[in-house]
Amino acid sequence: MSRIRARAKRSPSPIIGSFIVRKHALDFLKNESGATAIEYGLIAAGIAVAIIAIVNTLGGQLKDIFTSISTGLQQDN
């Protein structure tokens, strides 16, 4: 019985425990290293979408140009 009471006296109070949890939560929210990685990922994704849109647009136009050139060459023969 005395060991249980001795342990109870050594354990932190609920107020100190909540302070520690609050401190760790604030530290977690202040940490911006993960946010920076996410921002770089979003920038890369945006660039990829822009490249895909440009390639699709130019690809269709280039196909039309080469088709008209091919048709013109075949008519000359």
PDB file of N, CA and C in Angstrom:
ATOM      1  N   MET A   1       0.820  -1.191   0.000  1.00  0.00           N
ATOM      2  CA  MET A   1       0.000   0.000   0.000  1.00  0.00           C
ATOM      3  C   MET A   1       0.860   1.250   0.000  1.00  0.00           C
ATOM      4  N   SER A   2       1.967   1.221   0.686  1.00  0.00           N
ATOM      5  CA  SER A   2       2.817   2.400   0.758  1.00  0.00           C
ATOM      6  C   SER A   2       3.495   2.674  -0.585  1.00  0.00           C
ATOM      7  N   ARG A   3       3.749   1.612  -1.364  1.00  0.00           N
ATOM      8  CA  ARG A   3       4.374   1.814  -2.679  1.00  0.00           C
ATOM      9  C   ARG A   3       3.422   2.554  -3.628  1.00  0.00           C
ATOM     10  N   ILE A   4       2.159   2.223  -3.559  1.00  0.00           N
ATOM     11  CA  ILE A   4       1.172   2.882  -4.419  1.00  0.00           C
ATOM     12  C   ILE A   4       1.095   4.369  -4.079  1.00  0.00           C
ATOM     13  N   ARG A   5       1.073   4.685  -2.804  1.00  0.00           N
ATOM     14  CA  ARG A   5       1.015   6.093  -2.397  1.00  0.00           C
ATOM     15  C   ARG A   5       2.300   6.827  -2.789  1.00  0.00           C
ATOM     16  N   ALA A   6       3.438   6.143  -2.703  1.00  0.00           N
ATOM     17  CA  ALA A   6       4.703   6.777  -3.082  1.00  0.00           C
ATOM     18  C   ALA A   6       4.721   7.077  -4.577  1.00  0.00           C
ATOM     19  N   ARG A   7       4.210   6.164  -5.385  1.00  0.00           N
ATOM     20  CA  ARG A   7       4.139   6.403  -6.831  1.00  0.00           C
ATOM     21  C   ARG A   7       3.180   7.546  -7.154  1.00  0.00           C
ATOM     22  N   ALA A   8       2.071   7.588  -6.441  1.00  0.00           N
ATOM     23  CA  ALA A   8       1.087   8.637  -6.675  1.00  0.00           C
ATOM     24  C   ALA A   8       1.686  10.008  -6.373  1.00  0.00           C
ATOM     25  N   LYS A   9       2.537  10.099  -5.391  1.00  0.00           N
ATOM     26  CA  LYS A   9       3.145  11.377  -5.045  1.00  0.00           C
ATOM     27  C   LYS A   9       4.173  11.804  -6.096  1.00  0.00           C
ATOM     28  N   ARG A  10       4.818  10.831  -6.767  1.00  0.00           N
ATOM     29  CA  ARG A  10       5.842  11.157  -7.745  1.00  0.00           C
ATOM     30  C   ARG A  10       5.269  11.485  -9.124  1.00  0.00           C
ATOM     31  N   SER A  11       4.059  11.079  -9.414  1.00  0.00           N
ATOM     32  CA  SER A  11       3.486  11.328 -10.733  1.00  0.00           C
ATOM     33  C   SER A  11       3.115  12.802 -10.864  1.00  0.00           C
ATOM     34  N   PRO A  12       3.241  13.359 -12.081  1.00  0.00           N
ATOM     35  CA  PRO A  12       2.917  14.779 -12.258  1.00  0.00           C
ATOM     36  C   PRO A  12       1.441  15.026 -12.068  1.00  0.00           C
ATOM     37  N   SER A  13       1.129  16.223 -11.680  1.00  0.00           N
ATOM     38  CA  SER A  13      -0.270  16.573 -11.482  1.00  0.00           C
ATOM     39  C   SER A  13      -0.954  16.717 -12.838  1.00  0.00           C
ATOM     40  N   PRO A  14      -2.274  16.646 -12.866  1.00  0.00           N
ATOM     41  CA  PRO A  14      -2.992  16.815 -14.137  1.00  0.00           C
ATOM     42  C   PRO A  14      -2.721  18.164 -14.793  1.00  0.00           C
ATOM     43  N   ILE A  15      -2.461  19.185 -13.983  1.00  0.00           N
ATOM     44  CA  ILE A  15      -2.189  20.516 -14.536  1.00  0.00           C
ATOM     45  C   ILE A  15      -0.868  20.489 -15.301  1.00  0.00           C
ATOM     46  N   ILE A  16       0.155  19.876 -14.722  1.00  0.00           N
ATOM     47  CA  ILE A  16       1.460  19.785 -15.386  1.00  0.00           C
ATOM     48  C   ILE A  16       1.341  18.912 -16.629  1.00  0.00           C
ATOM     49  N   GLY A  17       0.588  17.822 -16.529  1.00  0.00           N
ATOM     50  CA  GLY A  17       0.396  16.943 -17.682  1.00  0.00           C
ATOM     51  C   GLY A  17      -0.280  17.659 -18.836  1.00  0.00           C
ATOM     52  N   SER A  18      -1.301  18.457 -18.532  1.00  0.00           N
ATOM     53  CA  SER A  18      -1.989  19.187 -19.604  1.00  0.00           C
ATOM     54  C   SER A  18      -1.087  20.272 -20.186  1.00  0.00           C
ATOM     55  N   PHE A  19      -0.228  20.859 -19.350  1.00  0.00           N
ATOM     56  CA  PHE A  19       0.725  21.847 -19.847  1.00  0.00           C
ATOM     57  C   PHE A  19       1.703  21.203 -20.821  1.00  0.00           C
ATOM     58  N   ILE A  20       2.171  20.011 -20.500  1.00  0.00           N
ATOM     59  CA  ILE A  20       3.108  19.299 -21.379  1.00  0.00           C
ATOM     60  C   ILE A  20       2.436  18.956 -22.703  1.00  0.00           C
ATOM     61  N   VAL A  21       1.201  18.468 -22.652  1.00  0.00           N
ATOM     62  CA  VAL A  21       0.469  18.133 -23.877  1.00  0.00           C
ATOM     63  C   VAL A  21       0.253  19.388 -24.715  1.00  0.00           C
ATOM     64  N   ARG A  22      -0.126  20.490 -24.073  1.00  0.00           N
ATOM     65  CA  ARG A  22      -0.340  21.749 -24.789  1.00  0.00           C
ATOM     66  C   ARG A  22       0.962  22.236 -25.434  1.00  0.00           C
ATOM     67  N   LYS A  23       2.078  22.113 -24.708  1.00  0.00           N
ATOM     68  CA  LYS A  23       3.370  22.535 -25.249  1.00  0.00           C
ATOM     69  C   LYS A  23       3.735  21.705 -26.481  1.00  0.00           C
ATOM     70  N   HIS A  24       3.553  20.395 -26.414  1.00  0.00           N
ATOM     71  CA  HIS A  24       3.863  19.542 -27.563  1.00  0.00           C
ATOM     72  C   HIS A  24       2.929  19.840 -28.745  1.00  0.00           C
ATOM     73  N   ALA A  25       1.672  20.123 -28.470  1.00  0.00           N
ATOM     74  CA  ALA A  25       0.731  20.455 -29.540  1.00  0.00           C
ATOM     75  C   ALA A  25       1.131  21.758 -30.222  1.00  0.00           C
ATOM     76  N   LEU A  26       1.531  22.756 -29.441  1.00  0.00           N
ATOM     77  CA  LEU A  26       1.962  24.028 -30.027  1.00  0.00           C
ATOM     78  C   LEU A  26       3.251  23.863 -30.822  1.00  0.00           C
ATOM     79  N   ASP A  27       4.176  23.054 -30.307  1.00  0.00           N
ATOM     80  CA  ASP A  27       5.412  22.782 -31.050  1.00  0.00           C
ATOM     81  C   ASP A  27       5.104  22.108 -32.379  1.00  0.00           C
ATOM     82  N   PHE A  28       4.157  21.178 -32.365  1.00  0.00           N
ATOM     83  CA  PHE A  28       3.768  20.476 -33.593  1.00  0.00           C
ATOM     84  C   PHE A  28       3.162  21.455 -34.598  1.00  0.00           C
ATOM     85  N   LEU A  29       2.321  22.359 -34.137  1.00  0.00           N
ATOM     86  CA  LEU A  29       1.681  23.320 -35.034  1.00  0.00           C
ATOM     87  C   LEU A  29       2.673  24.350 -35.572  1.00  0.00           C
ATOM     88  N   LYS A  30       3.708  24.667 -34.810  1.00  0.00           N
ATOM     89  CA  LYS A  30       4.707  25.633 -35.258  1.00  0.00           C
ATOM     90  C   LYS A  30       5.704  25.026 -36.244  1.00  0.00           C
ATOM     91  N   ASN A  31       5.831  23.704 -36.251  1.00  0.00           N
ATOM     92  CA  ASN A  31       6.786  23.040 -37.136  1.00  0.00           C
ATOM     93  C   ASN A  31       6.314  23.190 -38.577  1.00  0.00           C
ATOM     94  N   GLU A  32       7.138  23.813 -39.423  1.00  0.00           N
ATOM     95  CA  GLU A  32       6.739  24.094 -40.799  1.00  0.00           C
ATOM     96  C   GLU A  32       7.514  23.269 -41.820  1.00  0.00           C
ATOM     97  N   SER A  33       8.305  22.315 -41.412  1.00  0.00           N
ATOM     98  CA  SER A  33       9.105  21.553 -42.376  1.00  0.00           C
ATOM     99  C   SER A  33       8.217  20.710 -43.287  1.00  0.00           C
ATOM    100  N   GLY A  34       7.169  20.126 -42.779  1.00  0.00           N
ATOM    101  CA  GLY A  34       6.258  19.355 -43.612  1.00  0.00           C
ATOM    102  C   GLY A  34       5.460  20.234 -44.558  1.00  0.00           C
ATOM    103  N   ALA A  35       5.096  21.420 -44.104  1.00  0.00           N
ATOM    104  CA  ALA A  35       4.337  22.348 -44.945  1.00  0.00           C
ATOM    105  C   ALA A  35       5.161  22.786 -46.149  1.00  0.00           C
ATOM    106  N   THR A  36       6.464  22.977 -45.946  1.00  0.00           N
ATOM    107  CA  THR A  36       7.331  23.376 -47.060  1.00  0.00           C
ATOM    108  C   THR A  36       7.384  22.282 -48.108  1.00  0.00           C
ATOM    109  N   ALA A  37       7.492  21.037 -47.681  1.00  0.00           N
ATOM    110  CA  ALA A  37       7.518  19.923 -48.631  1.00  0.00           C
ATOM    111  C   ALA A  37       6.207  19.836 -49.407  1.00  0.00           C
ATOM    112  N   ILE A  38       5.103  20.063 -48.729  1.00  0.00           N
ATOM    113  CA  ILE A  38       3.802  20.033 -49.398  1.00  0.00           C
ATOM    114  C   ILE A  38       3.698  21.169 -50.416  1.00  0.00           C
ATOM    115  N   GLU A  39       4.217  22.344 -50.060  1.00  0.00           N
ATOM    116  CA  GLU A  39       4.179  23.468 -50.996  1.00  0.00           C
ATOM    117  C   GLU A  39       4.984  23.154 -52.254  1.00  0.00           C
ATOM    118  N   TYR A  40       6.164  22.591 -52.093  1.00  0.00           N
ATOM    119  CA  TYR A  40       6.966  22.218 -53.261  1.00  0.00           C
ATOM    120  C   TYR A  40       6.246  21.167 -54.106  1.00  0.00           C
ATOM    121  N   GLY A  41       5.582  20.235 -53.471  1.00  0.00           N
ATOM    122  CA  GLY A  41       4.819  19.227 -54.203  1.00  0.00           C
ATOM    123  C   GLY A  41       3.684  19.838 -54.998  1.00  0.00           C
ATOM    124  N   LEU A  42       2.989  20.807 -54.395  1.00  0.00           N
ATOM    125  CA  LEU A  42       1.893  21.484 -55.108  1.00  0.00           C
ATOM    126  C   LEU A  42       2.416  22.304 -56.286  1.00  0.00           C
ATOM    127  N   ILE A  43       3.563  22.944 -56.115  1.00  0.00           N
ATOM    128  CA  ILE A  43       4.160  23.705 -57.220  1.00  0.00           C
ATOM    129  C   ILE A  43       4.529  22.761 -58.362  1.00  0.00           C
ATOM    130  N   ALA A  44       5.152  21.628 -58.027  1.00  0.00           N
ATOM    131  CA  ALA A  44       5.528  20.654 -59.060  1.00  0.00           C
ATOM    132  C   ALA A  44       4.298  20.107 -59.774  1.00  0.00           C
ATOM    133  N   ALA A  45       3.225  19.849 -59.027  1.00  0.00           N
ATOM    134  CA  ALA A  45       1.997  19.351 -59.644  1.00  0.00           C
ATOM    135  C   ALA A  45       1.389  20.400 -60.572  1.00  0.00           C
ATOM    136  N   GLY A  46       1.420  21.653 -60.170  1.00  0.00           N
ATOM    137  CA  GLY A  46       0.902  22.724 -61.024  1.00  0.00           C
ATOM    138  C   GLY A  46       1.691  22.865 -62.311  1.00  0.00           C
ATOM    139  N   ILE A  47       3.007  22.775 -62.211  1.00  0.00           N
ATOM    140  CA  ILE A  47       3.848  22.843 -63.408  1.00  0.00           C
ATOM    141  C   ILE A  47       3.573  21.666 -64.326  1.00  0.00           C
ATOM    142  N   ALA A  48       3.406  20.476 -63.741  1.00  0.00           N
ATOM    143  CA  ALA A  48       3.116  19.286 -64.554  1.00  0.00           C
ATOM    144  C   ALA A  48       1.792  19.434 -65.295  1.00  0.00           C
ATOM    145  N   VAL A  49       0.775  19.963 -64.626  1.00  0.00           N
ATOM    146  CA  VAL A  49      -0.527  20.161 -65.275  1.00  0.00           C
ATOM    147  C   VAL A  49      -0.403  21.161 -66.424  1.00  0.00           C
ATOM    148  N   ALA A  50       0.364  22.231 -66.204  1.00  0.00           N
ATOM    149  CA  ALA A  50       0.556  23.227 -67.265  1.00  0.00           C
ATOM    150  C   ALA A  50       1.273  22.618 -68.464  1.00  0.00           C
ATOM    151  N   ILE A  51       2.298  21.819 -68.212  1.00  0.00           N
ATOM    152  CA  ILE A  51       3.040  21.177 -69.307  1.00  0.00           C
ATOM    153  C   ILE A  51       2.135  20.228 -70.083  1.00  0.00           C
ATOM    154  N   ILE A  52       1.334  19.445 -69.372  1.00  0.00           N
ATOM    155  CA  ILE A  52       0.426  18.500 -70.038  1.00  0.00           C
ATOM    156  C   ILE A  52      -0.583  19.249 -70.912  1.00  0.00           C
ATOM    157  N   ALA A  53      -1.120  20.356 -70.403  1.00  0.00           N
ATOM    158  CA  ALA A  53      -2.089  21.139 -71.183  1.00  0.00           C
ATOM    159  C   ALA A  53      -1.440  21.720 -72.441  1.00  0.00           C
ATOM    160  N   ILE A  54      -0.237  22.232 -72.308  1.00  0.00           N
ATOM    161  CA  ILE A  54       0.464  22.813 -73.465  1.00  0.00           C
ATOM    162  C   ILE A  54       0.785  21.739 -74.491  1.00  0.00           C
ATOM    163  N   VAL A  55       1.275  20.590 -74.030  1.00  0.00           N
ATOM    164  CA  VAL A  55       1.626  19.504 -74.955  1.00  0.00           C
ATOM    165  C   VAL A  55       0.388  18.994 -75.682  1.00  0.00           C
ATOM    166  N   ASN A  56      -0.725  18.859 -74.983  1.00  0.00           N
ATOM    167  CA  ASN A  56      -1.955  18.408 -75.639  1.00  0.00           C
ATOM    168  C   ASN A  56      -2.421  19.408 -76.692  1.00  0.00           C
ATOM    169  N   THR A  57      -2.345  20.681 -76.381  1.00  0.00           N
ATOM    170  CA  THR A  57      -2.762  21.706 -77.334  1.00  0.00           C
ATOM    171  C   THR A  57      -1.839  21.727 -78.553  1.00  0.00           C
ATOM    172  N   LEU A  58      -0.545  21.791 -78.301  1.00  0.00           N
ATOM    173  CA  LEU A  58       0.408  21.829 -79.412  1.00  0.00           C
ATOM    174  C   LEU A  58       0.433  20.515 -80.181  1.00  0.00           C
ATOM    175  N   GLY A  59       0.224  19.419 -79.482  1.00  0.00           N
ATOM    176  CA  GLY A  59       0.209  18.114 -80.150  1.00  0.00           C
ATOM    177  C   GLY A  59      -0.893  18.028 -81.179  1.00  0.00           C
ATOM    178  N   GLY A  60      -2.058  18.512 -80.839  1.00  0.00           N
ATOM    179  CA  GLY A  60      -3.176  18.511 -81.788  1.00  0.00           C
ATOM    180  C   GLY A  60      -2.905  19.415 -82.977  1.00  0.00           C
ATOM    181  N   GLN A  61      -2.320  20.576 -82.727  1.00  0.00           N
ATOM    182  CA  GLN A  61      -1.994  21.504 -83.813  1.00  0.00           C
ATOM    183  C   GLN A  61      -0.904  20.933 -84.718  1.00  0.00           C
ATOM    184  N   LEU A  62       0.112  20.323 -84.107  1.00  0.00           N
ATOM    185  CA  LEU A  62       1.178  19.719 -84.918  1.00  0.00           C
ATOM    186  C   LEU A  62       0.655  18.569 -85.764  1.00  0.00           C
ATOM    187  N   LYS A  63      -0.271  17.798 -85.219  1.00  0.00           N
ATOM    188  CA  LYS A  63      -0.860  16.697 -85.987  1.00  0.00           C
ATOM    189  C   LYS A  63      -1.578  17.248 -87.222  1.00  0.00           C
ATOM    190  N   ASP A  64      -2.338  18.323 -87.028  1.00  0.00           N
ATOM    191  CA  ASP A  64      -3.050  18.937 -88.162  1.00  0.00           C
ATOM    192  C   ASP A  64      -2.067  19.462 -89.207  1.00  0.00           C
ATOM    193  N   ILE A  65      -0.975  20.082 -88.765  1.00  0.00           N
ATOM    194  CA  ILE A  65       0.025  20.618 -89.701  1.00  0.00           C
ATOM    195  C   ILE A  65       0.660  19.502 -90.506  1.00  0.00           C
ATOM    196  N   PHE A  66       1.080  18.435 -89.843  1.00  0.00           N
ATOM    197  CA  PHE A  66       1.729  17.328 -90.552  1.00  0.00           C
ATOM    198  C   PHE A  66       0.751  16.584 -91.463  1.00  0.00           C
ATOM    199  N   THR A  67      -0.506  16.518 -91.056  1.00  0.00           N
ATOM    200  CA  THR A  67      -1.513  15.890 -91.915  1.00  0.00           C
ATOM    201  C   THR A  67      -1.701  16.702 -93.195  1.00  0.00           C
ATOM    202  N   SER A  68      -1.763  18.021 -93.065  1.00  0.00           N
ATOM    203  CA  SER A  68      -1.930  18.860 -94.261  1.00  0.00           C
ATOM    204  C   SER A  68      -0.694  18.800 -95.152  1.00  0.00           C
ATOM    205  N   ILE A  69       0.497  18.730 -94.578  1.00  0.00           N
ATOM    206  CA  ILE A  69       1.725  18.594 -95.368  1.00  0.00           C
ATOM    207  C   ILE A  69       1.729  17.253 -96.102  1.00  0.00           C
ATOM    208  N   SER A  70       1.353  16.199 -95.391  1.00  0.00           N
ATOM    209  CA  SER A  70       1.326  14.874 -95.995  1.00  0.00           C
ATOM    210  C   SER A  70       0.303  14.805 -97.128  1.00  0.00           C
ATOM    211  N   THR A  71      -0.850  15.410 -96.928  1.00  0.00           N
ATOM    212  CA  THR A  71      -1.888  15.434 -97.966  1.00  0.00           C
ATOM    213  C   THR A  71      -1.397  16.227 -99.182  1.00  0.00           C
ATOM    214  N   GLY A  72      -0.734  17.348 -98.940  1.00  0.00           N
ATOM    215  CA  GLY A  72      -0.210  18.158-100.026  1.00  0.00           C
ATOM    216  C   GLY A  72       0.877  17.418-100.813  1.00  0.00           C
ATOM    217  N   LEU A  73       1.731  16.670-100.133  1.00  0.00           N
ATOM    218  CA  LEU A  73       2.780  15.919-100.814  1.00  0.00           C
ATOM    219  C   LEU A  73       2.195  14.760-101.644  1.00  0.00           C
ATOM    220  N   GLN A  74       1.138  14.152-101.118  1.00  0.00           N
ATOM    221  CA  GLN A  74       0.536  13.034-101.842  1.00  0.00           C
ATOM    222  C   GLN A  74      -0.197  13.520-103.088  1.00  0.00           C
ATOM    223  N   GLN A  75      -0.755  14.707-103.056  1.00  0.00           N
ATOM    224  CA  GLN A  75      -1.479  15.248-104.209  1.00  0.00           C
ATOM    225  C   GLN A  75      -0.499  15.640-105.330  1.00  0.00           C
ATOM    226  N   ASP A  76       0.733  16.020-104.950  1.00  0.00           N
ATOM    227  CA  ASP A  76       1.718  16.389-105.972  1.00  0.00           C
ATOM    228  C   ASP A  76       2.205  15.181-106.758  1.00  0.00           C
ATOM    229  N   ASN A  77       2.157  14.014-106.174  1.00  0.00           N
ATOM    230  CA  ASN A  77       2.653  12.805-106.851  1.00  0.00           C
ATOM    231  C   ASN A  77       1.634  12.261-107.764  1.00  0.00           C
TER     232      ASN A  77
END
